[in-house]
């Protein structure tokens, strides 16, 4: 059974919305905590969401989404750590812009990995 875990986050794909992203594993019983700092500068007042996907066998599987508040700048969530059968848990966090009359557009994303050591 693994007792040590580490986390890593990729650089944002564009950096147009995500200004910083981290993942911390301070207590494996509580899981890992990812945090995304963002900045929304949109004069057209379009809405933005963060979509959370868990990557299973290389395929992102949708978990949930929440609207980002343009007056805030941080969103966080706890995720699990790998079980004894896994070497890592992988997640993808996508920032999606919604606009009336158009399909949602992914404008930024990061990959989060929690690895057993």
PDB file of N, CA and C in Angstrom:
ATOM      1  N   UNK A   1       0.844  -1.191   0.000  1.00  0.00           N
ATOM      2  CA  UNK A   1       0.000   0.000   0.000  1.00  0.00           C
ATOM      3  C   UNK A   1       0.883   1.247   0.000  1.00  0.00           C
ATOM      4  N   UNK A   2       0.487   2.245  -0.769  1.00  0.00           N
ATOM      5  CA  UNK A   2       1.250   3.480  -0.863  1.00  0.00           C
ATOM      6  C   UNK A   2       0.969   4.374   0.342  1.00  0.00           C
ATOM      7  N   UNK A   3       1.992   5.075   0.781  1.00  0.00           N
ATOM      8  CA  UNK A   3       1.799   6.004   1.884  1.00  0.00           C
ATOM      9  C   UNK A   3       2.220   7.420   1.524  1.00  0.00           C
ATOM     10  N   UNK A   4       3.013   7.584   0.466  1.00  0.00           N
ATOM     11  CA  UNK A   4       3.452   8.903   0.047  1.00  0.00           C
ATOM     12  C   UNK A   4       2.843   9.235  -1.308  1.00  0.00           C
ATOM     13  N   UNK A   5       2.432  10.472  -1.446  1.00  0.00           N
ATOM     14  CA  UNK A   5       1.802  10.926  -2.679  1.00  0.00           C
ATOM     15  C   UNK A   5       2.406  12.266  -3.076  1.00  0.00           C
ATOM     16  N   UNK A   6       2.433  12.504  -4.362  1.00  0.00           N
ATOM     17  CA  UNK A   6       2.860  13.810  -4.858  1.00  0.00           C
ATOM     18  C   UNK A   6       1.869  14.253  -5.914  1.00  0.00           C
ATOM     19  N   UNK A   7       1.803  15.552  -6.116  1.00  0.00           N
ATOM     20  CA  UNK A   7       0.886  16.087  -7.110  1.00  0.00           C
ATOM     21  C   UNK A   7       1.617  16.992  -8.080  1.00  0.00           C
ATOM     22  N   UNK A   8       1.101  17.062  -9.285  1.00  0.00           N
ATOM     23  CA  UNK A   8       1.659  17.975 -10.282  1.00  0.00           C
ATOM     24  C   UNK A   8       0.530  18.532 -11.132  1.00  0.00           C
ATOM     25  N   UNK A   9       0.774  19.705 -11.693  1.00  0.00           N
ATOM     26  CA  UNK A   9      -0.193  20.378 -12.552  1.00  0.00           C
ATOM     27  C   UNK A   9       0.550  20.873 -13.788  1.00  0.00           C
ATOM     28  N   UNK A  10      -0.036  20.637 -14.961  1.00  0.00           N
ATOM     29  CA  UNK A  10       0.567  21.127 -16.193  1.00  0.00           C
ATOM     30  C   UNK A  10       0.415  22.645 -16.274  1.00  0.00           C
ATOM     31  N   UNK A  11       1.185  23.245 -17.149  1.00  0.00           N
ATOM     32  CA  UNK A  11       0.987  24.663 -17.438  1.00  0.00           C
ATOM     33  C   UNK A  11      -0.361  24.829 -18.131  1.00  0.00           C
ATOM     34  N   UNK A  12      -1.017  25.969 -17.947  1.00  0.00           N
ATOM     35  CA  UNK A  12      -2.273  26.213 -18.676  1.00  0.00           C
ATOM     36  C   UNK A  12      -2.038  26.152 -20.189  1.00  0.00           C
ATOM     37  N   UNK A  13      -3.024  25.655 -20.913  1.00  0.00           N
ATOM     38  CA  UNK A  13      -2.863  25.520 -22.363  1.00  0.00           C
ATOM     39  C   UNK A  13      -2.735  26.869 -23.053  1.00  0.00           C
ATOM     40  N   UNK A  14      -3.444  27.895 -22.556  1.00  0.00           N
ATOM     41  CA  UNK A  14      -3.358  29.213 -23.191  1.00  0.00           C
ATOM     42  C   UNK A  14      -2.966  30.306 -22.207  1.00  0.00           C
ATOM     43  N   UNK A  15      -3.340  30.166 -20.943  1.00  0.00           N
ATOM     44  CA  UNK A  15      -3.076  31.204 -19.957  1.00  0.00           C
ATOM     45  C   UNK A  15      -3.993  32.418 -20.095  1.00  0.00           C
ATOM     46  N   UNK A  16      -5.037  32.302 -20.914  1.00  0.00           N
ATOM     47  CA  UNK A  16      -5.935  33.441 -21.094  1.00  0.00           C
ATOM     48  C   UNK A  16      -6.892  33.633 -19.918  1.00  0.00           C
ATOM     49  N   UNK A  17      -7.154  32.568 -19.172  1.00  0.00           N
ATOM     50  CA  UNK A  17      -8.050  32.660 -18.014  1.00  0.00           C
ATOM     51  C   UNK A  17      -7.350  32.150 -16.755  1.00  0.00           C
ATOM     52  N   UNK A  18      -6.672  31.014 -16.847  1.00  0.00           N
ATOM     53  CA  UNK A  18      -5.987  30.432 -15.685  1.00  0.00           C
ATOM     54  C   UNK A  18      -4.680  31.171 -15.447  1.00  0.00           C
ATOM     55  N   UNK A  19      -4.535  31.727 -14.244  1.00  0.00           N
ATOM     56  CA  UNK A  19      -3.300  32.435 -13.902  1.00  0.00           C
ATOM     57  C   UNK A  19      -2.356  31.573 -13.078  1.00  0.00           C
ATOM     58  N   UNK A  20      -2.905  30.571 -12.377  1.00  0.00           N
ATOM     59  CA  UNK A  20      -2.086  29.675 -11.569  1.00  0.00           C
ATOM     60  C   UNK A  20      -2.926  28.452 -11.204  1.00  0.00           C
ATOM     61  N   UNK A  21      -2.271  27.313 -11.075  1.00  0.00           N
ATOM     62  CA  UNK A  21      -2.969  26.095 -10.639  1.00  0.00           C
ATOM     63  C   UNK A  21      -2.010  25.269  -9.798  1.00  0.00           C
ATOM     64  N   UNK A  22      -2.551  24.694  -8.717  1.00  0.00           N
ATOM     65  CA  UNK A  22      -1.736  23.875  -7.822  1.00  0.00           C
ATOM     66  C   UNK A  22      -2.530  22.650  -7.379  1.00  0.00           C
ATOM     67  N   UNK A  23      -1.802  21.664  -6.864  1.00  0.00           N
ATOM     68  CA  UNK A  23      -2.427  20.524  -6.203  1.00  0.00           C
ATOM     69  C   UNK A  23      -1.558  20.174  -5.004  1.00  0.00           C
ATOM     70  N   UNK A  24      -2.204  19.930  -3.868  1.00  0.00           N
ATOM     71  CA  UNK A  24      -1.496  19.602  -2.638  1.00  0.00           C
ATOM     72  C   UNK A  24      -2.087  18.341  -2.033  1.00  0.00           C
ATOM     73  N   UNK A  25      -1.202  17.483  -1.544  1.00  0.00           N
ATOM     74  CA  UNK A  25      -1.635  16.288  -0.818  1.00  0.00           C
ATOM     75  C   UNK A  25      -1.085  16.421   0.594  1.00  0.00           C
ATOM     76  N   UNK A  26      -1.859  17.068   1.454  1.00  0.00           N
ATOM     77  CA  UNK A  26      -1.400  17.260   2.830  1.00  0.00           C
ATOM     78  C   UNK A  26      -1.886  16.152   3.748  1.00  0.00           C
ATOM     79  N   UNK A  27      -3.015  15.530   3.424  1.00  0.00           N
ATOM     80  CA  UNK A  27      -3.556  14.437   4.229  1.00  0.00           C
ATOM     81  C   UNK A  27      -4.223  13.443   3.279  1.00  0.00           C
ATOM     82  N   UNK A  28      -3.576  12.300   3.006  1.00  0.00           N
ATOM     83  CA  UNK A  28      -4.143  11.334   2.066  1.00  0.00           C
ATOM     84  C   UNK A  28      -5.556  10.874   2.420  1.00  0.00           C
ATOM     85  N   UNK A  29      -5.912  10.880   3.695  1.00  0.00           N
ATOM     86  CA  UNK A  29      -7.261  10.491   4.095  1.00  0.00           C
ATOM     87  C   UNK A  29      -8.296  11.504   3.610  1.00  0.00           C
ATOM     88  N   UNK A  30      -7.891  12.756   3.496  1.00  0.00           N
ATOM     89  CA  UNK A  30      -8.782  13.820   3.016  1.00  0.00           C
ATOM     90  C   UNK A  30      -8.726  13.952   1.501  1.00  0.00           C
ATOM     91  N   UNK A  31      -7.730  13.354   0.872  1.00  0.00           N
ATOM     92  CA  UNK A  31      -7.549  13.477  -0.569  1.00  0.00           C
ATOM     93  C   UNK A  31      -6.612  14.618  -0.907  1.00  0.00           C
ATOM     94  N   UNK A  32      -6.530  14.927  -2.164  1.00  0.00           N
ATOM     95  CA  UNK A  32      -5.692  16.024  -2.648  1.00  0.00           C
ATOM     96  C   UNK A  32      -6.588  17.229  -2.914  1.00  0.00           C
ATOM     97  N   UNK A  33      -6.022  18.411  -2.776  1.00  0.00           N
ATOM     98  CA  UNK A  33      -6.767  19.639  -3.015  1.00  0.00           C
ATOM     99  C   UNK A  33      -6.165  20.355  -4.218  1.00  0.00           C
ATOM    100  N   UNK A  34      -6.965  20.493  -5.306  1.00  0.00           N
ATOM    101  CA  UNK A  34      -6.493  21.311  -6.417  1.00  0.00           C
ATOM    102  C   UNK A  34      -7.116  22.688  -6.294  1.00  0.00           C
ATOM    103  N   UNK A  35      -6.364  23.669  -6.724  1.00  0.00           N
ATOM    104  CA  UNK A  35      -6.813  25.055  -6.708  1.00  0.00           C
ATOM    105  C   UNK A  35      -6.464  25.685  -8.046  1.00  0.00           C
ATOM    106  N   UNK A  36      -7.418  26.361  -8.639  1.00  0.00           N
ATOM    107  CA  UNK A  36      -7.191  27.096  -9.878  1.00  0.00           C
ATOM    108  C   UNK A  36      -7.488  28.563  -9.601  1.00  0.00           C
ATOM    109  N   UNK A  37      -6.497  29.393  -9.901  1.00  0.00           N
ATOM    110  CA  UNK A  37      -6.686  30.835  -9.835  1.00  0.00           C
ATOM    111  C   UNK A  37      -6.968  31.311 -11.255  1.00  0.00           C
ATOM    112  N   UNK A  38      -7.936  32.188 -11.374  1.00  0.00           N
ATOM    113  CA  UNK A  38      -8.348  32.626 -12.709  1.00  0.00           C
ATOM    114  C   UNK A  38      -8.644  34.120 -12.723  1.00  0.00           C
ATOM    115  N   UNK A  39      -8.648  34.658 -13.936  1.00  0.00           N
ATOM    116  CA  UNK A  39      -9.005  36.054 -14.137  1.00  0.00           C
ATOM    117  C   UNK A  39      -9.862  36.139 -15.392  1.00  0.00           C
ATOM    118  N   UNK A  40     -11.059  36.696 -15.240  1.00  0.00           N
ATOM    119  CA  UNK A  40     -11.978  36.834 -16.362  1.00  0.00           C
ATOM    120  C   UNK A  40     -12.060  38.310 -16.743  1.00  0.00           C
ATOM    121  N   UNK A  41     -11.569  38.608 -17.923  1.00  0.00           N
ATOM    122  CA  UNK A  41     -11.648  39.962 -18.485  1.00  0.00           C
ATOM    123  C   UNK A  41     -12.422  39.852 -19.787  1.00  0.00           C
ATOM    124  N   UNK A  42     -13.714  40.029 -19.704  1.00  0.00           N
ATOM    125  CA  UNK A  42     -14.554  39.836 -20.881  1.00  0.00           C
ATOM    126  C   UNK A  42     -15.560  40.980 -20.955  1.00  0.00           C
ATOM    127  N   UNK A  43     -15.324  41.899 -21.846  1.00  0.00           N
ATOM    128  CA  UNK A  43     -16.206  43.058 -21.970  1.00  0.00           C
ATOM    129  C   UNK A  43     -17.591  42.681 -22.498  1.00  0.00           C
ATOM    130  N   UNK A  44     -17.704  41.470 -23.064  1.00  0.00           N
ATOM    131  CA  UNK A  44     -18.995  41.027 -23.608  1.00  0.00           C
ATOM    132  C   UNK A  44     -19.833  40.286 -22.566  1.00  0.00           C
ATOM    133  N   UNK A  45     -19.329  40.168 -21.350  1.00  0.00           N
ATOM    134  CA  UNK A  45     -20.060  39.552 -20.238  1.00  0.00           C
ATOM    135  C   UNK A  45     -20.548  38.135 -20.536  1.00  0.00           C
ATOM    136  N   UNK A  46     -19.733  37.356 -21.235  1.00  0.00           N
ATOM    137  CA  UNK A  46     -20.071  35.949 -21.462  1.00  0.00           C
ATOM    138  C   UNK A  46     -19.818  35.179 -20.170  1.00  0.00           C
ATOM    139  N   UNK A  47     -20.465  34.044 -20.015  1.00  0.00           N
ATOM    140  CA  UNK A  47     -20.267  33.244 -18.815  1.00  0.00           C
ATOM    141  C   UNK A  47     -19.161  32.217 -19.039  1.00  0.00           C
ATOM    142  N   UNK A  48     -18.494  31.872 -17.948  1.00  0.00           N
ATOM    143  CA  UNK A  48     -17.408  30.905 -17.975  1.00  0.00           C
ATOM    144  C   UNK A  48     -17.679  29.838 -16.933  1.00  0.00           C
ATOM    145  N   UNK A  49     -17.316  28.606 -17.260  1.00  0.00           N
ATOM    146  CA  UNK A  49     -17.456  27.473 -16.337  1.00  0.00           C
ATOM    147  C   UNK A  49     -16.116  26.777 -16.223  1.00  0.00           C
ATOM    148  N   UNK A  50     -15.958  26.067 -15.122  1.00  0.00           N
ATOM    149  CA  UNK A  50     -14.855  25.122 -15.024  1.00  0.00           C
ATOM    150  C   UNK A  50     -15.492  23.745 -15.084  1.00  0.00           C
ATOM    151  N   UNK A  51     -15.008  22.910 -15.990  1.00  0.00           N
ATOM    152  CA  UNK A  51     -15.480  21.537 -16.126  1.00  0.00           C
ATOM    153  C   UNK A  51     -14.399  20.611 -15.604  1.00  0.00           C
ATOM    154  N   UNK A  52     -14.813  19.657 -14.794  1.00  0.00           N
ATOM    155  CA  UNK A  52     -13.888  18.693 -14.193  1.00  0.00           C
ATOM    156  C   UNK A  52     -14.083  17.336 -14.863  1.00  0.00           C
ATOM    157  N   UNK A  53     -12.987  16.796 -15.379  1.00  0.00           N
ATOM    158  CA  UNK A  53     -12.983  15.467 -15.987  1.00  0.00           C
ATOM    159  C   UNK A  53     -11.981  14.600 -15.245  1.00  0.00           C
ATOM    160  N   UNK A  54     -12.330  13.351 -15.021  1.00  0.00           N
ATOM    161  CA  UNK A  54     -11.384  12.364 -14.512  1.00  0.00           C
ATOM    162  C   UNK A  54     -10.901  11.577 -15.724  1.00  0.00           C
ATOM    163  N   UNK A  55      -9.596  11.428 -15.855  1.00  0.00           N
ATOM    164  CA  UNK A  55      -9.032  10.740 -17.013  1.00  0.00           C
ATOM    165  C   UNK A  55      -8.865   9.266 -16.652  1.00  0.00           C
ATOM    166  N   UNK A  56      -9.611   8.422 -17.356  1.00  0.00           N
ATOM    167  CA  UNK A  56      -9.596   6.978 -17.103  1.00  0.00           C
ATOM    168  C   UNK A  56      -9.147   6.278 -18.376  1.00  0.00           C
ATOM    169  N   UNK A  57      -8.066   5.517 -18.268  1.00  0.00           N
ATOM    170  CA  UNK A  57      -7.490   4.832 -19.434  1.00  0.00           C
ATOM    171  C   UNK A  57      -7.271   5.788 -20.598  1.00  0.00           C
ATOM    172  N   UNK A  58      -6.799   6.990 -20.287  1.00  0.00           N
ATOM    173  CA  UNK A  58      -6.481   7.973 -21.307  1.00  0.00           C
ATOM    174  C   UNK A  58      -7.655   8.774 -21.837  1.00  0.00           C
ATOM    175  N   UNK A  59      -8.869   8.481 -21.369  1.00  0.00           N
ATOM    176  CA  UNK A  59     -10.061   9.163 -21.863  1.00  0.00           C
ATOM    177  C   UNK A  59     -10.664  10.040 -20.771  1.00  0.00           C
ATOM    178  N   UNK A  60     -10.819  11.353 -21.022  1.00  0.00           N
ATOM    179  CA  UNK A  60     -11.460  12.219 -20.035  1.00  0.00           C
ATOM    180  C   UNK A  60     -12.944  11.891 -19.907  1.00  0.00           C
ATOM    181  N   UNK A  61     -13.381  11.659 -18.669  1.00  0.00           N
ATOM    182  CA  UNK A  61     -14.792  11.392 -18.397  1.00  0.00           C
ATOM    183  C   UNK A  61     -15.342  12.514 -17.536  1.00  0.00           C
ATOM    184  N   UNK A  62     -16.414  13.141 -18.026  1.00  0.00           N
ATOM    185  CA  UNK A  62     -17.022  14.292 -17.375  1.00  0.00           C
ATOM    186  C   UNK A  62     -17.476  13.944 -15.965  1.00  0.00           C
ATOM    187  N   UNK A  63     -17.175  14.827 -15.010  1.00  0.00           N
ATOM    188  CA  UNK A  63     -17.609  14.654 -13.621  1.00  0.00           C
ATOM    189  C   UNK A  63     -18.607  15.735 -13.212  1.00  0.00           C
ATOM    190  N   UNK A  64     -18.260  16.998 -13.394  1.00  0.00           N
ATOM    191  CA  UNK A  64     -19.139  18.089 -13.005  1.00  0.00           C
ATOM    192  C   UNK A  64     -18.652  19.405 -13.611  1.00  0.00           C
ATOM    193  N   UNK A  65     -19.490  20.425 -13.512  1.00  0.00           N
ATOM    194  CA  UNK A  65     -19.122  21.772 -13.958  1.00  0.00           C
ATOM    195  C   UNK A  65     -19.754  22.777 -13.011  1.00  0.00           C
ATOM    196  N   UNK A  66     -19.126  23.926 -12.897  1.00  0.00           N
ATOM    197  CA  UNK A  66     -19.690  25.016 -12.109  1.00  0.00           C
ATOM    198  C   UNK A  66     -19.324  26.335 -12.772  1.00  0.00           C
ATOM    199  N   UNK A  67     -20.231  27.296 -12.672  1.00  0.00           N
ATOM    200  CA  UNK A  67     -19.997  28.613 -13.240  1.00  0.00           C
ATOM    201  C   UNK A  67     -18.968  29.358 -12.409  1.00  0.00           C
ATOM    202  N   UNK A  68     -18.048  30.032 -13.104  1.00  0.00           N
ATOM    203  CA  UNK A  68     -17.040  30.842 -12.421  1.00  0.00           C
ATOM    204  C   UNK A  68     -17.582  32.247 -12.201  1.00  0.00           C
ATOM    205  N   UNK A  69     -17.388  32.758 -11.008  1.00  0.00           N
ATOM    206  CA  UNK A  69     -17.827  34.098 -10.644  1.00  0.00           C
ATOM    207  C   UNK A  69     -16.744  35.085 -11.090  1.00  0.00           C
ATOM    208  N   UNK A  70     -17.068  36.035 -11.975  1.00  0.00           N
ATOM    209  CA  UNK A  70     -16.047  36.979 -12.432  1.00  0.00           C
ATOM    210  C   UNK A  70     -15.528  37.899 -11.330  1.00  0.00           C
ATOM    211  N   UNK A  71     -16.250  37.977 -10.209  1.00  0.00           N
ATOM    212  CA  UNK A  71     -15.805  38.800  -9.083  1.00  0.00           C
ATOM    213  C   UNK A  71     -14.900  38.026  -8.132  1.00  0.00           C
ATOM    214  N   UNK A  72     -14.767  36.746  -8.339  1.00  0.00           N
ATOM    215  CA  UNK A  72     -13.867  35.910  -7.542  1.00  0.00           C
ATOM    216  C   UNK A  72     -12.638  35.622  -8.396  1.00  0.00           C
ATOM    217  N   UNK A  73     -11.684  34.875  -7.833  1.00  0.00           N
ATOM    218  CA  UNK A  73     -10.530  34.507  -8.650  1.00  0.00           C
ATOM    219  C   UNK A  73      -9.953  33.139  -8.308  1.00  0.00           C
ATOM    220  N   UNK A  74     -10.682  32.356  -7.506  1.00  0.00           N
ATOM    221  CA  UNK A  74     -10.167  31.051  -7.099  1.00  0.00           C
ATOM    222  C   UNK A  74     -11.302  30.040  -7.018  1.00  0.00           C
ATOM    223  N   UNK A  75     -11.009  28.820  -7.456  1.00  0.00           N
ATOM    224  CA  UNK A  75     -11.922  27.698  -7.277  1.00  0.00           C
ATOM    225  C   UNK A  75     -11.074  26.503  -6.850  1.00  0.00           C
ATOM    226  N   UNK A  76     -11.588  25.699  -5.902  1.00  0.00           N
ATOM    227  CA  UNK A  76     -10.852  24.553  -5.363  1.00  0.00           C
ATOM    228  C   UNK A  76     -11.784  23.370  -5.202  1.00  0.00           C
ATOM    229  N   UNK A  77     -11.199  22.180  -5.192  1.00  0.00           N
ATOM    230  CA  UNK A  77     -11.978  20.963  -4.969  1.00  0.00           C
ATOM    231  C   UNK A  77     -11.043  19.862  -4.488  1.00  0.00           C
ATOM    232  N   UNK A  78     -11.568  19.006  -3.636  1.00  0.00           N
ATOM    233  CA  UNK A  78     -10.796  17.834  -3.189  1.00  0.00           C
ATOM    234  C   UNK A  78     -11.044  16.680  -4.143  1.00  0.00           C
ATOM    235  N   UNK A  79      -9.985  15.949  -4.437  1.00  0.00           N
ATOM    236  CA  UNK A  79     -10.059  14.747  -5.265  1.00  0.00           C
ATOM    237  C   UNK A  79      -9.377  13.615  -4.521  1.00  0.00           C
ATOM    238  N   UNK A  80      -9.660  12.392  -4.915  1.00  0.00           N
ATOM    239  CA  UNK A  80      -9.070  11.240  -4.252  1.00  0.00           C
ATOM    240  C   UNK A  80      -7.597  11.062  -4.589  1.00  0.00           C
ATOM    241  N   UNK A  81      -6.947  10.275  -3.778  1.00  0.00           N
ATOM    242  CA  UNK A  81      -5.575   9.858  -4.077  1.00  0.00           C
ATOM    243  C   UNK A  81      -5.647   8.457  -4.675  1.00  0.00           C
ATOM    244  N   UNK A  82      -4.615   8.029  -5.386  1.00  0.00           N
ATOM    245  CA  UNK A  82      -4.661   6.704  -6.013  1.00  0.00           C
ATOM    246  C   UNK A  82      -4.861   5.595  -4.985  1.00  0.00           C
ATOM    247  N   UNK A  83      -5.631   4.593  -5.372  1.00  0.00           N
ATOM    248  CA  UNK A  83      -5.790   3.413  -4.516  1.00  0.00           C
ATOM    249  C   UNK A  83      -4.552   2.547  -4.654  1.00  0.00           C
ATOM    250  N   UNK A  84      -4.502   1.489  -3.897  1.00  0.00           N
ATOM    251  CA  UNK A  84      -3.323   0.613  -3.937  1.00  0.00           C
ATOM    252  C   UNK A  84      -3.151  -0.062  -5.293  1.00  0.00           C
ATOM    253  N   UNK A  85      -4.207  -0.120  -6.104  1.00  0.00           N
ATOM    254  CA  UNK A  85      -4.115  -0.729  -7.436  1.00  0.00           C
ATOM    255  C   UNK A  85      -3.681   0.273  -8.506  1.00  0.00           C
ATOM    256  N   UNK A  86      -3.694   1.558  -8.181  1.00  0.00           N
ATOM    257  CA  UNK A  86      -3.372   2.590  -9.156  1.00  0.00           C
ATOM    258  C   UNK A  86      -2.022   3.213  -8.851  1.00  0.00           C
ATOM    259  N   UNK A  87      -1.363   3.681  -9.906  1.00  0.00           N
ATOM    260  CA  UNK A  87      -0.138   4.437  -9.661  1.00  0.00           C
ATOM    261  C   UNK A  87      -0.409   5.940  -9.645  1.00  0.00           C
ATOM    262  N   UNK A  88      -1.509   6.366 -10.315  1.00  0.00           N
ATOM    263  CA  UNK A  88      -1.818   7.793 -10.354  1.00  0.00           C
ATOM    264  C   UNK A  88      -3.295   8.018 -10.629  1.00  0.00           C
ATOM    265  N   UNK A  89      -3.773   9.175 -10.183  1.00  0.00           N
ATOM    266  CA  UNK A  89      -5.098   9.674 -10.558  1.00  0.00           C
ATOM    267  C   UNK A  89      -4.856  10.887 -11.425  1.00  0.00           C
ATOM    268  N   UNK A  90      -5.550  10.945 -12.560  1.00  0.00           N
ATOM    269  CA  UNK A  90      -5.386  12.052 -13.491  1.00  0.00           C
ATOM    270  C   UNK A  90      -6.723  12.757 -13.703  1.00  0.00           C
ATOM    271  N   UNK A  91      -6.653  14.071 -13.729  1.00  0.00           N
ATOM    272  CA  UNK A  91      -7.841  14.900 -13.899  1.00  0.00           C
ATOM    273  C   UNK A  91      -7.532  15.995 -14.906  1.00  0.00           C
ATOM    274  N   UNK A  92      -8.562  16.444 -15.592  1.00  0.00           N
ATOM    275  CA  UNK A  92      -8.429  17.567 -16.512  1.00  0.00           C
ATOM    276  C   UNK A  92      -9.451  18.615 -16.116  1.00  0.00           C
ATOM    277  N   UNK A  93      -8.997  19.846 -16.001  1.00  0.00           N
ATOM    278  CA  UNK A  93      -9.856  20.966 -15.641  1.00  0.00           C
ATOM    279  C   UNK A  93      -9.899  21.914 -16.830  1.00  0.00           C
ATOM    280  N   UNK A  94     -11.084  22.114 -17.364  1.00  0.00           N
ATOM    281  CA  UNK A  94     -11.256  22.933 -18.564  1.00  0.00           C
ATOM    282  C   UNK A  94     -12.055  24.186 -18.235  1.00  0.00           C
ATOM    283  N   UNK A  95     -11.589  25.320 -18.716  1.00  0.00           N
ATOM    284  CA  UNK A  95     -12.352  26.565 -18.623  1.00  0.00           C
ATOM    285  C   UNK A  95     -13.114  26.703 -19.938  1.00  0.00           C
ATOM    286  N   UNK A  96     -14.438  26.805 -19.826  1.00  0.00           N
ATOM    287  CA  UNK A  96     -15.310  26.843 -21.001  1.00  0.00           C
ATOM    288  C   UNK A  96     -16.057  28.175 -21.020  1.00  0.00           C
ATOM    289  N   UNK A  97     -16.050  28.819 -22.191  1.00  0.00           N
ATOM    290  CA  UNK A  97     -16.795  30.071 -22.376  1.00  0.00           C
ATOM    291  C   UNK A  97     -18.122  29.745 -23.049  1.00  0.00           C
ATOM    292  N   UNK A  98     -19.202  30.267 -22.482  1.00  0.00           N
ATOM    293  CA  UNK A  98     -20.545  30.082 -23.044  1.00  0.00           C
ATOM    294  C   UNK A  98     -21.027  31.400 -23.616  1.00  0.00           C
ATOM    295  N   UNK A  99     -21.612  31.314 -24.802  1.00  0.00           N
ATOM    296  CA  UNK A  99     -22.088  32.505 -25.485  1.00  0.00           C
ATOM    297  C   UNK A  99     -23.423  32.178 -26.143  1.00  0.00           C
ATOM    298  N   UNK A 100     -24.384  33.056 -26.007  1.00  0.00           N
ATOM    299  CA  UNK A 100     -25.700  32.840 -26.598  1.00  0.00           C
ATOM    300  C   UNK A 100     -25.566  32.620 -28.104  1.00  0.00           C
ATOM    301  N   UNK A 101     -26.201  31.553 -28.584  1.00  0.00           N
ATOM    302  CA  UNK A 101     -26.202  31.256 -30.006  1.00  0.00           C
ATOM    303  C   UNK A 101     -24.951  30.578 -30.525  1.00  0.00           C
ATOM    304  N   UNK A 102     -24.038  30.200 -29.636  1.00  0.00           N
ATOM    305  CA  UNK A 102     -22.797  29.542 -30.072  1.00  0.00           C
ATOM    306  C   UNK A 102     -22.528  28.327 -29.202  1.00  0.00           C
ATOM    307  N   UNK A 103     -21.768  27.387 -29.736  1.00  0.00           N
ATOM    308  CA  UNK A 103     -21.361  26.234 -28.954  1.00  0.00           C
ATOM    309  C   UNK A 103     -20.361  26.668 -27.888  1.00  0.00           C
ATOM    310  N   UNK A 104     -20.359  26.005 -26.735  1.00  0.00           N
ATOM    311  CA  UNK A 104     -19.352  26.310 -25.711  1.00  0.00           C
ATOM    312  C   UNK A 104     -17.941  26.117 -26.283  1.00  0.00           C
ATOM    313  N   UNK A 105     -17.012  26.959 -25.830  1.00  0.00           N
ATOM    314  CA  UNK A 105     -15.641  26.933 -26.321  1.00  0.00           C
ATOM    315  C   UNK A 105     -14.675  26.742 -25.166  1.00  0.00           C
ATOM    316  N   UNK A 106     -13.803  25.739 -25.258  1.00  0.00           N
ATOM    317  CA  UNK A 106     -12.748  25.567 -24.258  1.00  0.00           C
ATOM    318  C   UNK A 106     -11.699  26.637 -24.519  1.00  0.00           C
ATOM    319  N   UNK A 107     -11.447  27.493 -23.526  1.00  0.00           N
ATOM    320  CA  UNK A 107     -10.500  28.589 -23.703  1.00  0.00           C
ATOM    321  C   UNK A 107      -9.204  28.395 -22.915  1.00  0.00           C
ATOM    322  N   UNK A 108      -9.183  27.443 -21.991  1.00  0.00           N
ATOM    323  CA  UNK A 108      -7.974  27.169 -21.208  1.00  0.00           C
ATOM    324  C   UNK A 108      -8.170  25.839 -20.486  1.00  0.00           C
ATOM    325  N   UNK A 109      -7.090  25.185 -20.129  1.00  0.00           N
ATOM    326  CA  UNK A 109      -7.201  23.941 -19.360  1.00  0.00           C
ATOM    327  C   UNK A 109      -5.871  23.600 -18.713  1.00  0.00           C
ATOM    328  N   UNK A 110      -5.939  22.763 -17.682  1.00  0.00           N
ATOM    329  CA  UNK A 110      -4.749  22.190 -17.049  1.00  0.00           C
ATOM    330  C   UNK A 110      -5.025  20.727 -16.754  1.00  0.00           C
ATOM    331  N   UNK A 111      -3.954  19.952 -16.653  1.00  0.00           N
ATOM    332  CA  UNK A 111      -4.035  18.558 -16.239  1.00  0.00           C
ATOM    333  C   UNK A 111      -3.464  18.441 -14.841  1.00  0.00           C
ATOM    334  N   UNK A 112      -4.170  17.717 -13.983  1.00  0.00           N
ATOM    335  CA  UNK A 112      -3.756  17.501 -12.600  1.00  0.00           C
ATOM    336  C   UNK A 112      -3.472  16.020 -12.415  1.00  0.00           C
ATOM    337  N   UNK A 113      -2.319  15.725 -11.820  1.00  0.00           N
ATOM    338  CA  UNK A 113      -1.959  14.334 -11.552  1.00  0.00           C
ATOM    339  C   UNK A 113      -1.580  14.175 -10.087  1.00  0.00           C
ATOM    340  N   UNK A 114      -2.132  13.152  -9.438  1.00  0.00           N
ATOM    341  CA  UNK A 114      -1.728  12.775  -8.083  1.00  0.00           C
ATOM    342  C   UNK A 114      -1.143  11.386  -8.210  1.00  0.00           C
ATOM    343  N   UNK A 115       0.113  11.257  -7.808  1.00  0.00           N
ATOM    344  CA  UNK A 115       0.871  10.022  -8.022  1.00  0.00           C
ATOM    345  C   UNK A 115       1.262   9.390  -6.681  1.00  0.00           C
ATOM    346  N   UNK A 116       1.161   8.075  -6.639  1.00  0.00           N
ATOM    347  CA  UNK A 116       1.639   7.315  -5.477  1.00  0.00           C
ATOM    348  C   UNK A 116       3.138   7.076  -5.647  1.00  0.00           C
ATOM    349  N   UNK A 117       3.861   7.193  -4.562  1.00  0.00           N
ATOM    350  CA  UNK A 117       5.319   7.010  -4.621  1.00  0.00           C
ATOM    351  C   UNK A 117       5.751   5.799  -3.828  1.00  0.00           C
TER     352      UNK A 117
END
